[in-house]
Protein backbone atom coordinates (compact mmCIF):
# COMPACT_ATOMS: atom_id res chain seq x y z
CA MET A 1 0.00 0.00 0.00
CA ASP A 2 0.97 3.64 -0.52
CA PHE A 3 0.93 6.09 2.38
CA ASN A 4 0.97 9.83 3.05
CA LEU A 5 3.54 10.99 5.64
CA ALA A 6 0.96 12.89 7.71
CA ASP A 7 -1.15 9.73 8.02
CA ILE A 8 1.92 7.73 9.08
CA ALA A 9 2.81 10.32 11.73
CA GLN A 10 -0.75 10.31 13.08
CA ALA A 11 -0.89 6.50 13.21
CA VAL A 12 2.35 6.30 15.17
CA ALA A 13 1.28 9.09 17.53
CA ASP A 14 -1.99 7.27 18.21
CA ALA A 15 0.01 4.13 19.06
CA VAL A 16 2.60 5.82 21.34
CA PRO A 17 0.97 9.11 22.46
CA ASP A 18 2.99 9.50 25.67
CA ARG A 19 6.38 8.60 24.20
CA GLU A 20 8.76 11.51 23.67
CA TYR A 21 9.38 12.47 20.07
CA ILE A 22 11.50 15.64 20.44
CA VAL A 23 13.98 16.47 23.19
CA HIS A 24 15.68 19.85 22.89
CA GLY A 25 17.25 21.19 26.06
CA GLU A 26 14.47 21.55 28.63
CA THR A 27 11.81 21.11 25.93
CA ARG A 28 10.37 17.60 25.80
CA ILE A 29 7.52 16.95 23.36
CA THR A 30 5.50 13.73 23.31
CA TYR A 31 4.08 12.25 20.12
CA ALA A 32 0.57 13.35 21.10
CA GLN A 33 1.71 16.92 21.81
CA PHE A 34 3.65 17.03 18.55
CA MET A 35 0.68 15.95 16.47
CA ASP A 36 -1.61 18.45 18.21
CA ARG A 37 0.74 21.25 17.18
CA ALA A 38 1.19 19.81 13.67
CA ARG A 39 -2.61 19.78 13.21
CA GLN A 40 -2.81 23.36 14.47
CA CYS A 41 -0.20 24.34 11.88
CA ALA A 42 -2.23 22.50 9.24
CA TRP A 43 -5.28 24.59 10.13
CA VAL A 44 -3.25 27.81 9.91
CA LEU A 45 -2.17 26.90 6.38
CA HIS A 46 -5.65 25.71 5.39
CA ASN A 47 -7.36 28.85 6.72
CA ALA A 48 -4.86 30.95 4.75
CA GLY A 49 -6.11 29.26 1.59
CA LEU A 50 -3.10 27.01 1.01
CA GLY A 51 -3.53 23.44 -0.19
CA CYS A 52 -3.74 21.25 -3.27
CA ARG A 53 -4.84 22.94 -6.50
CA THR A 54 -4.52 20.09 -8.99
CA GLU A 55 -4.34 16.36 -8.35
CA ARG A 56 -1.17 14.54 -9.34
CA SER A 57 -2.61 12.51 -12.21
CA GLY A 58 -2.01 14.25 -15.51
CA LEU A 59 0.89 16.38 -14.28
CA GLY A 60 4.43 15.99 -15.62
CA GLY A 61 7.32 14.90 -13.41
CA HIS A 62 8.56 18.50 -13.23
CA GLU A 63 5.16 19.95 -12.26
CA SER A 64 3.31 20.52 -8.98
CA GLY A 65 -0.38 20.97 -8.29
CA GLN A 66 0.13 22.07 -4.67
CA ASP A 67 0.98 25.32 -2.89
CA HIS A 68 4.57 25.47 -1.65
CA LEU A 69 5.74 26.45 1.85
CA ALA A 70 9.35 27.53 2.50
CA LEU A 71 10.90 26.40 5.80
CA TYR A 72 13.60 28.98 6.55
CA LEU A 73 14.52 27.67 9.98
CA HIS A 74 17.29 26.42 12.19
CA ASN A 75 16.71 23.05 13.87
CA GLY A 76 13.79 22.96 16.27
CA ARG A 77 10.37 21.49 16.80
CA GLU A 78 8.81 24.15 14.54
CA PHE A 79 10.56 22.76 11.46
CA LEU A 80 9.03 19.33 11.99
CA GLU A 81 5.63 20.64 13.08
CA ALA A 82 5.37 22.79 9.97
CA ASN A 83 6.59 19.90 7.84
CA ILE A 84 3.97 17.39 9.02
CA GLY A 85 1.32 20.10 9.34
CA ALA A 86 1.86 21.06 5.71
CA TYR A 87 1.46 17.45 4.61
CA ALA A 88 -1.82 17.24 6.53
CA ALA A 89 -3.03 20.39 4.70
CA ARG A 90 -1.83 19.01 1.34
CA VAL A 91 0.74 21.81 1.11
CA ALA A 92 4.25 20.96 -0.13
CA PRO A 93 6.98 22.30 2.20
CA PHE A 94 10.58 22.69 1.09
CA ASN A 95 13.87 23.34 2.82
CA VAL A 96 15.78 26.64 2.60
CA ASN A 97 19.53 26.86 3.13
CA TYR A 98 19.84 29.57 5.79
CA ARG A 99 23.32 30.55 4.61
CA TYR A 100 22.08 31.83 1.27
CA VAL A 101 22.66 35.51 0.52
CA ASP A 102 19.86 37.80 -0.68
CA GLU A 103 20.16 37.01 -4.37
CA GLU A 104 20.22 33.25 -3.77
CA LEU A 105 17.20 33.42 -1.46
CA VAL A 106 15.12 35.41 -3.91
CA ALA A 107 16.03 32.99 -6.71
CA LEU A 108 15.16 29.91 -4.64
CA LEU A 109 11.86 31.18 -3.23
CA ASP A 110 10.82 32.49 -6.63
CA ASP A 111 11.89 29.36 -8.54
CA LEU A 112 10.05 27.14 -6.05
CA ASP A 113 6.95 29.39 -6.15
CA ALA A 114 6.76 29.80 -2.38
CA VAL A 115 3.43 31.27 -1.26
CA GLY A 116 4.20 30.88 2.45
CA VAL A 117 7.34 31.14 4.59
CA VAL A 118 7.95 29.89 8.14
CA PHE A 119 11.09 31.58 9.44
CA HIS A 120 13.09 32.23 12.58
CA SER A 121 13.17 35.82 13.83
CA SER A 122 16.92 36.10 13.28
CA PHE A 123 16.24 35.92 9.53
CA ALA A 124 13.64 38.73 9.58
CA PRO A 125 16.15 41.50 8.66
CA ILE A 126 17.17 39.51 5.58
CA LEU A 127 13.59 38.90 4.47
CA ALA A 128 12.76 42.58 5.03
CA ARG A 129 15.21 43.47 2.26
CA LEU A 130 13.73 41.09 -0.31
CA SER A 131 10.95 41.48 -2.84
CA LEU A 132 8.83 38.32 -2.81
CA PRO A 133 5.41 39.21 -4.26
CA LYS A 134 4.23 35.60 -4.49
CA VAL A 135 4.39 35.08 -0.71
CA ARG A 136 1.11 35.75 1.07
CA LEU A 137 1.67 33.99 4.43
CA TRP A 138 4.54 34.82 6.79
CA LEU A 139 4.86 32.85 10.04
CA GLN A 140 7.62 34.14 12.34
CA VAL A 141 9.15 31.89 15.00
CA ASP A 142 10.59 33.68 18.04
CA ASP A 143 14.15 32.40 18.56
CA GLY A 144 15.20 34.77 21.34
CA SER A 145 17.10 37.03 18.95
CA GLY A 146 14.97 40.03 19.91
CA GLN A 147 13.96 40.84 16.32
CA SER A 148 10.58 42.51 16.01
CA LEU A 149 7.75 41.09 13.95
CA LEU A 150 8.31 41.40 10.21
CA PRO A 151 5.64 43.68 8.65
CA GLY A 152 2.84 41.48 7.38
CA ALA A 153 3.95 38.47 9.42
CA VAL A 154 2.17 36.64 12.24
CA TRP A 155 3.89 35.14 15.25
CA TYR A 156 3.95 31.37 14.79
CA GLU A 157 2.85 30.64 18.36
CA ASP A 158 -0.01 33.15 18.20
CA ALA A 159 -1.25 31.57 14.97
CA LEU A 160 -1.17 28.06 16.45
CA ALA A 161 -2.89 29.18 19.65
CA LEU A 162 -5.93 30.29 17.64
CA ALA A 163 -6.08 27.09 15.58
CA SER A 164 -7.95 23.86 16.19
CA THR A 165 -6.27 20.58 17.10
CA GLU A 166 -8.90 18.62 15.20
CA ARG A 167 -8.10 16.93 11.91
CA LEU A 168 -8.63 18.91 8.74
CA PRO A 169 -11.58 18.12 6.45
CA VAL A 170 -9.15 17.20 3.67
CA GLU A 171 -7.74 13.81 2.77
CA PRO A 172 -3.96 13.76 2.18
CA SER A 173 -2.83 11.61 -0.74
CA PRO A 174 0.19 9.32 -1.15
CA ASP A 175 0.71 11.25 -4.41
CA ASP A 176 1.23 14.52 -2.53
CA LEU A 177 4.72 15.96 -2.90
CA TYR A 178 7.75 15.74 -0.72
CA ILE A 179 10.17 18.43 -1.96
CA LEU A 180 13.86 18.42 -1.11
CA CYS A 181 16.07 21.21 -2.45
CA THR A 182 19.63 20.26 -3.32
CA GLY A 183 22.42 22.22 -1.66
CA GLY A 184 23.56 24.22 -4.65
CA THR A 185 27.24 23.81 -3.73
CA THR A 186 28.18 22.80 -7.28
CA GLY A 187 25.53 24.76 -9.19
CA LYS A 188 22.00 26.13 -9.02
CA PRO A 189 19.82 24.47 -6.32
CA LYS A 190 17.10 22.19 -7.68
CA GLY A 191 13.81 21.16 -6.12
CA VAL A 192 13.60 17.36 -6.21
CA LEU A 193 9.97 16.22 -6.39
CA TRP A 194 9.05 12.93 -4.73
CA ARG A 195 5.71 11.28 -4.20
CA GLN A 196 5.43 10.94 -0.42
CA ALA A 197 4.72 7.24 -0.83
CA ASP A 198 8.03 6.83 -2.68
CA ILE A 199 10.32 8.83 -0.37
CA TRP A 200 8.79 6.90 2.54
CA VAL A 201 10.09 3.64 1.07
CA ALA A 202 13.36 5.04 -0.29
CA ALA A 203 14.61 6.94 2.77
CA LEU A 204 12.17 7.29 5.68
CA GLY A 205 11.76 3.79 7.07
CA GLY A 206 9.17 2.42 4.68
CA LEU A 207 10.64 -1.07 4.60
CA ASN A 208 9.47 -3.51 7.28
CA ALA A 209 12.53 -4.40 9.36
CA PRO A 210 11.65 -8.07 10.01
CA SER A 211 10.70 -8.89 6.42
CA GLY A 212 12.50 -6.28 4.34
CA GLY A 213 9.27 -5.72 2.39
CA GLU A 214 6.91 -2.77 2.35
CA TYR A 215 4.19 -2.31 4.97
CA GLY A 216 0.67 -3.44 4.20
CA SER A 217 -1.25 -1.06 6.45
CA LEU A 218 -0.98 1.94 8.77
CA ASN A 219 -1.84 -0.39 11.62
CA GLN A 220 1.20 -2.52 10.82
CA ILE A 221 3.44 0.58 10.87
CA ALA A 222 1.96 1.72 14.19
CA THR A 223 2.19 -1.73 15.77
CA GLU A 224 5.86 -2.08 14.89
CA ALA A 225 6.62 1.44 16.20
CA ALA A 226 4.86 0.62 19.46
CA SER A 227 6.94 -2.55 19.85
CA ARG A 228 10.14 -0.50 19.86
CA ARG A 229 11.45 1.26 22.95
CA GLY A 230 11.75 4.72 21.42
CA LEU A 231 15.51 4.73 20.96
CA PRO A 232 17.10 8.20 21.31
CA THR A 233 18.69 9.42 18.06
CA ILE A 234 20.64 12.66 18.00
CA VAL A 235 20.12 14.84 14.93
CA ILE A 236 23.19 17.01 14.40
CA ALA A 237 22.82 17.87 10.73
CA PRO A 238 20.46 20.74 9.88
CA LEU A 239 16.89 19.68 9.20
CA MET A 240 17.07 21.82 6.07
CA HIS A 241 19.45 19.17 4.69
CA GLY A 242 18.35 15.73 3.56
CA ALA A 243 20.57 13.89 6.04
CA GLY A 244 19.08 15.62 9.08
CA GLN A 245 15.53 15.66 7.77
CA TRP A 246 15.52 11.99 6.83
CA SER A 247 16.93 11.01 10.23
CA ALA A 248 14.18 12.95 12.03
CA LEU A 249 11.33 11.72 9.83
CA ALA A 250 12.54 8.11 9.88
CA SER A 251 12.64 8.33 13.68
CA LEU A 252 9.07 9.62 13.63
CA SER A 253 7.84 6.71 11.54
CA ARG A 254 9.58 4.22 13.88
CA GLY A 255 8.40 5.74 17.14
CA ASN A 256 11.89 6.79 18.18
CA THR A 257 12.95 9.89 20.09
CA ILE A 258 15.01 12.54 18.34
CA VAL A 259 17.41 14.60 20.42
CA LEU A 260 18.61 18.03 19.29
CA PRO A 261 21.74 19.70 20.68
CA ARG A 262 21.08 22.94 22.51
CA GLU A 263 23.18 24.89 20.00
CA VAL A 264 21.50 24.71 16.59
CA THR A 265 23.18 27.53 14.66
CA ARG A 266 26.57 25.81 14.40
CA LEU A 267 28.34 22.57 15.31
CA ASP A 268 29.35 22.73 18.98
CA ALA A 269 31.17 19.44 19.62
CA ALA A 270 31.10 19.74 23.42
CA ASP A 271 27.36 20.45 23.35
CA VAL A 272 26.70 17.47 21.05
CA LEU A 273 28.68 15.01 23.16
CA SER A 274 27.34 16.23 26.50
CA THR A 275 23.80 15.95 25.09
CA CYS A 276 24.55 12.39 23.93
CA GLU A 277 25.81 11.56 27.41
CA GLN A 278 22.85 13.13 29.21
CA GLU A 279 20.15 11.61 26.98
CA ARG A 280 21.84 8.20 26.62
CA VAL A 281 21.77 8.51 22.83
CA VAL A 282 21.83 5.21 20.93
CA GLN A 283 22.27 6.49 17.37
CA MET A 284 24.20 9.43 15.95
CA MET A 285 24.30 10.64 12.36
CA VAL A 286 27.34 12.54 11.08
CA VAL A 287 28.13 14.18 7.75
CA GLY A 288 31.67 13.25 6.76
CA ASP A 289 34.87 14.57 8.26
CA ALA A 290 33.41 18.05 8.70
CA PHE A 291 31.30 16.70 11.57
CA THR A 292 33.32 13.69 12.68
CA ARG A 293 36.72 15.30 13.19
CA PRO A 294 35.55 18.07 15.57
CA LEU A 295 33.54 15.52 17.58
CA LEU A 296 36.53 13.18 17.86
CA ASP A 297 38.87 16.06 18.73
CA GLU A 298 36.57 17.05 21.59
CA TYR A 299 36.13 13.45 22.77
CA GLU A 300 39.88 12.82 22.78
CA ARG A 301 40.41 16.08 24.69
CA GLN A 302 37.78 15.21 27.31
CA PRO A 303 36.11 11.78 27.17
CA TYR A 304 32.35 11.59 27.64
CA ASP A 305 30.27 8.58 28.72
CA LEU A 306 28.93 7.37 25.38
CA SER A 307 28.50 3.75 26.40
CA SER A 308 24.88 3.92 25.18
CA LEU A 309 25.98 4.71 21.61
CA LYS A 310 25.44 1.70 19.35
CA VAL A 311 25.26 3.10 15.82
CA VAL A 312 27.08 5.92 14.01
CA VAL A 313 25.61 6.64 10.58
CA ASN A 314 27.57 8.68 8.05
CA GLY A 315 25.90 10.20 5.02
CA GLY A 316 26.06 13.20 2.74
CA ALA A 317 29.87 13.42 2.56
CA GLY A 318 32.86 11.09 2.54
CA LEU A 319 34.56 9.77 5.65
CA SER A 320 38.34 9.49 5.54
CA VAL A 321 40.29 6.40 6.58
CA SER A 322 41.79 8.23 9.55
CA SER A 323 38.34 9.27 10.81
CA ARG A 324 37.03 5.73 10.48
CA GLU A 325 39.97 4.42 12.52
CA ARG A 326 39.55 7.10 15.18
CA LEU A 327 35.83 6.31 15.44
CA LYS A 328 36.56 2.63 16.07
CA THR A 329 39.07 3.54 18.76
CA ALA A 330 36.86 6.12 20.48
CA TRP A 331 33.58 4.18 20.40
CA PRO A 332 34.43 0.50 19.85
CA SER A 333 30.95 -0.73 20.76
CA ALA A 334 29.29 1.42 18.07
CA MET A 335 28.74 0.07 14.59
CA LEU A 336 29.71 2.46 11.81
CA MET A 337 27.34 2.55 8.84
CA ASP A 338 28.58 4.64 5.93
CA GLY A 339 25.88 5.40 3.36
CA LEU A 340 26.07 6.40 -0.29
CA GLY A 341 23.11 8.30 -1.66
CA SER A 342 21.67 11.65 -2.69
CA SER A 343 18.57 13.84 -2.63
CA GLU A 344 17.42 12.02 -5.76
CA THR A 345 17.95 8.43 -4.59
CA GLY A 346 17.79 7.92 -0.86
CA THR A 347 20.36 5.28 0.10
CA THR A 348 21.94 3.43 -2.84
CA ALA A 349 24.74 1.57 -1.02
CA VAL A 350 26.17 1.02 2.46
CA SER A 351 29.50 0.18 4.05
CA LEU A 352 29.66 -1.26 7.56
CA SER A 353 32.40 -0.88 10.15
CA ASP A 354 34.04 -4.22 9.35
CA ASN A 355 34.82 -2.98 5.81
CA ILE A 356 38.50 -1.99 5.79
CA GLU A 357 38.40 -0.65 2.23
CA PRO A 358 37.43 3.03 2.09
CA GLY A 359 35.03 4.04 -0.66
CA VAL A 360 33.79 0.48 -1.22
CA PHE A 361 30.07 -0.13 -0.76
CA THR A 362 27.46 -2.89 -0.94
CA LEU A 363 24.56 -2.01 -3.22
CA ALA A 364 21.02 -1.61 -1.94
CA PRO A 365 18.40 -3.90 -3.58
CA SER A 366 17.05 -1.11 -5.79
CA ALA A 367 20.49 0.12 -6.93
CA ARG A 368 22.01 -0.59 -10.35
CA ILE A 369 25.17 0.43 -12.19
CA LEU A 370 24.64 1.93 -15.66
CA SER A 371 27.13 2.06 -18.52
CA THR A 372 29.02 5.25 -19.33
CA ASP A 373 26.58 6.10 -22.13
CA ARG A 374 23.58 5.22 -19.91
CA THR A 375 22.18 2.71 -22.38
CA ARG A 376 22.51 -0.54 -20.43
CA VAL A 377 22.88 -2.03 -16.95
CA LEU A 378 26.40 -3.24 -16.11
CA SER A 379 27.23 -6.61 -14.58
CA PRO A 380 29.82 -7.18 -11.83
CA GLY A 381 33.39 -7.20 -13.11
CA GLU A 382 32.91 -5.02 -16.18
CA GLU A 383 35.85 -2.65 -16.46
CA GLU A 384 34.23 0.57 -17.60
CA LEU A 385 33.53 3.33 -15.12
CA GLY A 386 29.76 3.40 -14.68
CA TRP A 387 27.06 5.49 -13.07
CA SER A 388 25.39 4.70 -9.76
CA ALA A 389 21.64 4.57 -10.35
CA ASN A 390 18.41 3.61 -8.63
CA CYS A 391 15.15 2.16 -9.87
CA GLY A 392 11.93 1.40 -8.01
CA PRO A 393 10.73 4.25 -5.74
CA ILE A 394 12.47 7.29 -7.23
CA PRO A 395 11.55 10.98 -7.65
CA LEU A 396 9.17 12.36 -10.23
CA GLY A 397 11.69 14.95 -11.42
CA TYR A 398 13.01 18.48 -10.82
CA TYR A 399 10.52 21.29 -10.32
CA ARG A 400 10.09 23.47 -13.41
CA ASP A 401 13.00 21.81 -15.20
CA GLU A 402 11.76 19.37 -17.83
CA ILE A 403 15.13 19.12 -19.61
CA LYS A 404 17.12 18.27 -16.47
CA THR A 405 14.41 15.79 -15.49
CA GLU A 406 14.76 13.94 -18.80
CA GLN A 407 18.56 13.88 -18.47
CA THR A 408 18.64 12.59 -14.90
CA PHE A 409 15.85 10.01 -15.22
CA PRO A 410 16.65 7.84 -18.26
CA VAL A 411 14.49 4.91 -19.32
CA ILE A 412 16.39 1.73 -20.29
CA GLU A 413 14.44 -1.25 -21.65
CA GLY A 414 11.25 0.07 -20.12
CA VAL A 415 12.70 0.69 -16.66
CA ARG A 416 13.01 4.26 -15.33
CA TYR A 417 16.21 5.08 -13.44
CA VAL A 418 17.60 8.06 -11.56
CA VAL A 419 21.28 8.92 -12.12
CA PRO A 420 22.42 11.54 -9.56
CA GLY A 421 25.99 11.77 -10.88
CA ASP A 422 28.18 9.39 -8.84
CA ARG A 423 30.81 7.53 -10.88
CA VAL A 424 31.59 4.00 -9.67
CA ARG A 425 33.32 0.80 -10.75
CA TYR A 426 31.37 -2.46 -10.39
CA ARG A 427 33.70 -5.05 -8.87
CA GLU A 428 33.56 -8.78 -9.50
CA ASP A 429 32.56 -9.37 -5.87
CA GLY A 430 29.36 -7.36 -6.46
CA ARG A 431 30.46 -4.32 -4.49
CA VAL A 432 31.17 -0.88 -5.96
CA GLU A 433 34.12 1.48 -5.71
CA LEU A 434 33.09 5.13 -5.46
CA HIS A 435 35.24 7.40 -7.62
CA GLY A 436 33.36 10.65 -7.09
CA ARG A 437 30.61 13.01 -8.16
CA ASP A 438 30.76 13.89 -11.85
CA SER A 439 30.02 17.56 -11.13
CA ALA A 440 33.26 17.67 -9.10
CA THR A 441 35.37 16.03 -11.82
CA ILE A 442 38.44 17.79 -13.22
CA ASN A 443 39.38 17.11 -16.86
CA SER A 444 43.13 17.65 -17.07
CA GLY A 445 44.77 16.83 -20.39
CA GLY A 446 42.04 14.32 -21.20
CA GLU A 447 42.35 12.55 -17.83
CA LYS A 448 39.34 12.63 -15.53
CA ILE A 449 40.32 13.31 -11.92
CA PHE A 450 37.72 13.11 -9.17
CA ALA A 451 37.99 15.81 -6.53
CA GLU A 452 37.02 13.43 -3.73
CA GLU A 453 39.88 11.00 -4.35
CA VAL A 454 42.44 13.83 -4.21
CA GLU A 455 40.82 15.18 -1.04
CA GLN A 456 41.00 11.76 0.62
CA ALA A 457 44.68 11.44 -0.30
CA LEU A 458 45.55 14.81 1.23
CA MET A 459 43.51 14.00 4.34
CA GLN A 460 45.92 11.17 5.08
CA HIS A 461 48.41 13.70 6.47
CA PRO A 462 47.73 14.18 10.21
CA ALA A 463 48.10 17.97 10.01
CA VAL A 464 45.21 18.37 7.54
CA ARG A 465 41.94 19.29 9.18
CA ASP A 466 39.89 19.81 6.02
CA VAL A 467 40.39 20.18 2.28
CA LEU A 468 38.49 20.92 -0.92
CA VAL A 469 39.81 20.25 -4.41
CA CYS A 470 38.75 21.98 -7.62
CA ALA A 471 40.12 22.97 -11.04
CA ARG A 472 42.05 26.00 -12.20
CA PRO A 473 42.74 27.01 -15.81
CA SER A 474 45.89 25.66 -17.45
CA GLN A 475 47.30 26.66 -20.87
CA ARG A 476 48.91 23.23 -21.21
CA TRP A 477 46.26 20.90 -19.80
CA GLY A 478 43.06 22.94 -20.09
CA SER A 479 42.46 22.45 -16.38
CA GLU A 480 44.66 21.34 -13.53
CA VAL A 481 44.09 20.30 -9.94
CA ALA A 482 44.10 22.88 -7.14
CA ALA A 483 43.54 22.31 -3.42
CA VAL A 484 42.36 24.57 -0.60
CA VAL A 485 43.65 23.21 2.72
CA SER A 486 42.96 24.00 6.37
CA LEU A 487 45.46 22.71 8.93
CA ARG A 488 44.74 21.52 12.45
CA ALA A 489 45.43 23.88 15.34
CA ASN A 490 49.05 23.90 16.51
CA MET A 491 50.17 21.82 13.53
CA SER A 492 51.95 22.84 10.35
CA ALA A 493 52.88 21.31 7.00
CA GLU A 494 54.33 22.76 3.83
CA ALA A 495 52.72 22.11 0.46
CA ASP A 496 55.52 19.77 -0.66
CA VAL A 497 55.06 17.63 2.45
CA LEU A 498 51.33 17.28 1.74
CA LEU A 499 52.06 16.39 -1.88
CA ALA A 500 54.51 13.72 -0.78
CA GLU A 501 51.86 12.16 1.45
CA ALA A 502 49.20 12.29 -1.28
CA ALA A 503 51.61 10.72 -3.79
CA GLN A 504 51.57 7.54 -1.71
CA HIS A 505 47.84 7.12 -2.35
CA ILE A 506 47.08 8.45 -5.86
CA ALA A 507 48.83 8.68 -9.23
CA ARG A 508 51.14 11.67 -9.67
CA TYR A 509 49.09 13.21 -12.48
CA LYS A 510 46.25 13.64 -9.97
CA LEU A 511 48.33 15.66 -7.52
CA PRO A 512 47.44 19.34 -7.04
CA LYS A 513 49.53 21.81 -9.02
CA ILE A 514 48.84 24.40 -6.35
CA ILE A 515 47.85 24.23 -2.67
CA ILE A 516 46.54 27.33 -0.92
CA PHE A 517 45.98 27.48 2.82
CA ARG A 518 42.97 28.96 4.62
CA ASP A 519 42.06 29.05 8.30
CA GLU A 520 38.65 27.53 7.60
CA ILE A 521 37.15 25.53 4.75
CA ARG A 522 33.70 26.75 3.82
CA ARG A 523 31.03 24.08 3.81
CA SER A 524 27.26 24.12 3.99
CA PRO A 525 25.72 23.94 7.49
CA ALA A 526 25.27 20.23 6.79
CA GLY A 527 28.99 19.72 6.12
CA LYS A 528 28.61 19.46 2.34
CA ALA A 529 31.52 20.64 0.22
CA ASP A 530 31.12 24.16 -1.18
CA TYR A 531 33.05 23.84 -4.40
CA ARG A 532 31.90 27.22 -5.66
CA TRP A 533 33.67 28.86 -2.70
CA ALA A 534 36.81 26.78 -3.29
CA GLN A 535 36.81 27.82 -6.95
CA GLN A 536 36.57 31.48 -5.96
CA GLU A 537 39.48 31.14 -3.53
CA VAL A 538 41.63 29.49 -6.18
CA ASN A 539 40.72 32.07 -8.83
CA GLN A 540 41.62 34.90 -6.47
CA SER A 541 45.06 33.36 -5.93
CA LEU A 542 45.92 33.37 -9.66
């Protein structure tokens, strides 16, 4: 059966009403309380005239028949309340990167046709500068910043206080949209359109754990959630990023408790670890070295009692060999699960802690490897470098971009695939070697060099805290490799020393022709590489 996410949330809340869903500092919200507030939010949207305009049937994969709601928020209960409340009102919410500058914000909100915005008060001065004529509903969340109410806005809490907790007189559909905006760190952000029924199976817990198959009823979902103990899962990544959002929504569907660090505007390693210790967190999700290294640095400086921690999940960015080894040493009782996936696929492959080969993954059941020309499915052991792809529950397309939708979702022998851009080699043992994202590939003298493999080689040196690799123009080669490196505090290393270390792990033609040093490497709040920033830094050094 197909399900709507609001119906799933309600079924679980009915099964475990008194279990805690959100813990954030002194705030502790049960499932029943959460759904009351989500329904109030749904009424606010419904009474403002937002909802579904055109049913899904008959629309193209790049089209939407629903009103869109922008969630311009740091982590907090309001993000999730507005998310589920929008689904109940048949409104399609989407995530907004809160580091975007004015021009990027206007472009995103306009491109996604936002008619409503839920935002934290600290962002009010930014919104006050923008011209957004399509928006007709502004809900402002007080975050203690002291900012006054934006003209035309309504305080979020005041709006909810006047709304009913009863269910809306509308029937959500499994065809209703789940929209996830890509980060835009390699190009223009895109709104990925999923049917809620499909994202539920692909990334939010829609496979029955005992059987591995899909659920047959809401009652079955609720019964299984009730049978669990409500395991605490800490969500460190921003909810406006797929990794954080999927972790929180999967926890909701399973009846688990999500724990948020007190500090939500930046990564505070001490706050994260002390929160894990206090709440006896069982599962933690990290986003590559950008999250893992600061956490391990803090833990090694001052150990915390993390004996409750059983699972560390990595997703959204690569994890270096050194970080994997440090994780095993710091938390030996915790299983490391490294996931390969994207906004367009959910999880395509996983690597568990007993895998000693970095960048090698076991494919998920719905994953396939396509040939370089995307005309056939590869078999294990074929030599050519292929594309990671998914079939089965996959997105409908990219909002308002029919051409990109056709390019990313090819049909081969009657089967529709999604190809997000990861290049892999299909090994004879059935596993895949990740070479890197095609959008971060450098073509130097006809040789394709993947930025990620150069980054991993440089990260082998103990003085390197973070690194991004990109291209710079070359008269001889067309493009050549450049690296932007940040060193660890109280450690130093010259460029030639870093090159010598990298040369032990990759071919010499892949080595950077220039290394520039910066105090900090710019990444998205979710730890994703910002290659546009790296390119700017390299260009400025020419």
